[in-house]
Amino acid sequence: MMRIYHNPRCRKSRETLKLITDSGVEPEIVEYLITPPSQEELTEIIGKLGISPPELLRKSEGIFKEKFKGNTFTGAEWIKIMVKHPKLIERPIVVKGDKAIIGRPPENILPLL
């Protein structure tokens, strides 16, 4: 089963979803702004991505600049912040089995197909 953490308002997210469905795969679609991942789920996704929590942050978001820029937090604290403010999570994220890839650019996810 493939899952995409998707924001339908994001062009890259829409392109990534189209790439998946055009390949014949019908992924589980999680609109993460409506249904944010839990702390445990986000921790697992970050582990599958093989990155640190700050690497998943959208640092260009206004909320990041207003509330968090220049502050130092632990990885666990960043995860709590992203769960509370899912707009800060980089998108889209595609998960299949024990692997996850950020679809920026959308072609990044081709190895999962």
Protein backbone atom coordinates (compact mmCIF):
# COMPACT_ATOMS: atom_id res chain seq x y z
CA MET A 1 0.00 0.00 0.00
CA MET A 2 1.20 3.46 -0.90
CA ARG A 3 0.23 6.58 1.06
CA ILE A 4 0.64 10.20 0.06
CA TYR A 5 0.56 13.06 2.54
CA HIS A 6 -1.08 15.52 0.22
CA ASN A 7 -2.08 19.16 0.04
CA PRO A 8 -4.47 19.58 -2.92
CA ARG A 9 -3.65 23.31 -3.08
CA CYS A 10 0.04 22.56 -3.74
CA ARG A 11 1.07 22.14 -7.39
CA LYS A 12 3.96 19.77 -6.58
CA SER A 13 1.65 17.66 -4.45
CA ARG A 14 -0.93 17.46 -7.26
CA GLU A 15 1.80 16.58 -9.78
CA THR A 16 3.12 13.85 -7.51
CA LEU A 17 -0.35 12.37 -7.01
CA LYS A 18 -0.93 12.40 -10.78
CA LEU A 19 2.39 10.65 -11.36
CA ILE A 20 1.33 7.93 -8.92
CA THR A 21 -2.18 7.44 -10.33
CA ASP A 22 -0.92 7.59 -13.94
CA SER A 23 1.33 4.63 -13.06
CA GLY A 24 -1.78 2.64 -12.13
CA VAL A 25 -1.40 2.91 -8.35
CA GLU A 26 -4.32 4.14 -6.24
CA PRO A 27 -2.65 5.47 -3.08
CA GLU A 28 -4.23 6.22 0.24
CA ILE A 29 -4.52 10.00 0.26
CA VAL A 30 -4.01 11.78 3.57
CA GLU A 31 -4.81 15.48 3.45
CA TYR A 32 -2.42 16.20 6.28
CA LEU A 33 -3.65 19.77 6.85
CA ILE A 34 -7.08 18.32 7.72
CA THR A 35 -5.83 15.12 9.36
CA PRO A 36 -2.30 15.76 10.69
CA PRO A 37 -0.11 12.78 11.49
CA SER A 38 0.32 11.88 15.16
CA GLN A 39 3.69 12.36 16.84
CA GLU A 40 4.35 8.63 16.51
CA GLU A 41 3.36 8.59 12.85
CA LEU A 42 5.49 11.64 12.01
CA THR A 43 8.44 10.17 13.90
CA GLU A 44 8.08 6.97 11.84
CA ILE A 45 7.84 8.92 8.57
CA ILE A 46 10.97 10.93 9.40
CA GLY A 47 12.79 7.67 10.15
CA LYS A 48 11.71 6.24 6.79
CA LEU A 49 12.87 9.42 5.07
CA GLY A 50 16.26 9.08 6.77
CA ILE A 51 16.37 12.76 7.73
CA SER A 52 16.28 14.80 10.92
CA PRO A 53 13.06 16.56 11.96
CA PRO A 54 14.31 20.06 11.05
CA GLU A 55 14.97 18.84 7.49
CA LEU A 56 11.22 18.27 7.07
CA LEU A 57 10.34 21.87 7.93
CA ARG A 58 8.97 24.34 5.41
CA LYS A 59 11.09 27.27 6.50
CA SER A 60 9.45 29.62 3.99
CA GLU A 61 6.08 29.44 5.78
CA GLY A 62 4.99 32.60 7.57
CA ILE A 63 4.29 30.71 10.79
CA PHE A 64 7.87 29.41 10.80
CA LYS A 65 9.30 32.89 10.32
CA GLU A 66 6.98 34.41 12.95
CA LYS A 67 7.21 31.80 15.70
CA PHE A 68 10.16 29.47 15.22
CA LYS A 69 12.96 30.98 13.12
CA GLY A 70 16.15 31.37 15.10
CA ASN A 71 14.99 29.08 17.91
CA THR A 72 16.67 25.82 18.82
CA PHE A 73 14.52 22.78 19.53
CA THR A 74 15.20 19.09 19.93
CA GLY A 75 14.04 16.69 17.24
CA ALA A 76 11.14 15.59 19.45
CA GLU A 77 10.14 19.21 20.01
CA TRP A 78 10.18 19.91 16.26
CA ILE A 79 7.94 16.89 15.72
CA LYS A 80 5.45 18.21 18.30
CA ILE A 81 5.54 21.61 16.59
CA MET A 82 4.89 20.07 13.15
CA VAL A 83 1.98 18.01 14.51
CA LYS A 84 0.48 21.16 16.02
CA HIS A 85 1.23 23.23 12.88
CA PRO A 86 1.05 20.76 9.95
CA LYS A 87 1.54 23.59 7.47
CA LEU A 88 5.22 23.39 8.47
CA ILE A 89 5.57 19.83 7.09
CA GLU A 90 7.28 19.62 3.70
CA ARG A 91 5.03 18.14 1.06
CA PRO A 92 4.18 15.84 -0.52
CA ILE A 93 5.48 12.80 1.31
CA VAL A 94 4.96 9.39 -0.27
CA VAL A 95 5.31 6.29 1.91
CA LYS A 96 5.47 2.70 0.73
CA GLY A 97 6.48 -0.04 3.14
CA ASP A 98 9.64 0.94 5.00
CA LYS A 99 10.54 3.75 2.58
CA ALA A 100 9.39 7.35 2.25
CA ILE A 101 10.32 10.06 -0.23
CA ILE A 102 9.51 13.75 -0.45
CA GLY A 103 8.02 14.48 -3.88
CA ARG A 104 10.02 17.62 -4.60
CA PRO A 105 10.44 17.31 -7.49
CA PRO A 106 7.65 14.78 -8.17
CA GLU A 107 10.06 12.50 -10.07
CA ASN A 108 11.82 11.76 -6.77
CA ILE A 109 9.10 9.21 -5.99
CA LEU A 110 9.71 7.08 -9.10
CA PRO A 111 11.74 4.47 -7.16
CA LEU A 112 8.61 3.74 -5.07
CA LEU A 113 6.58 2.96 -8.19
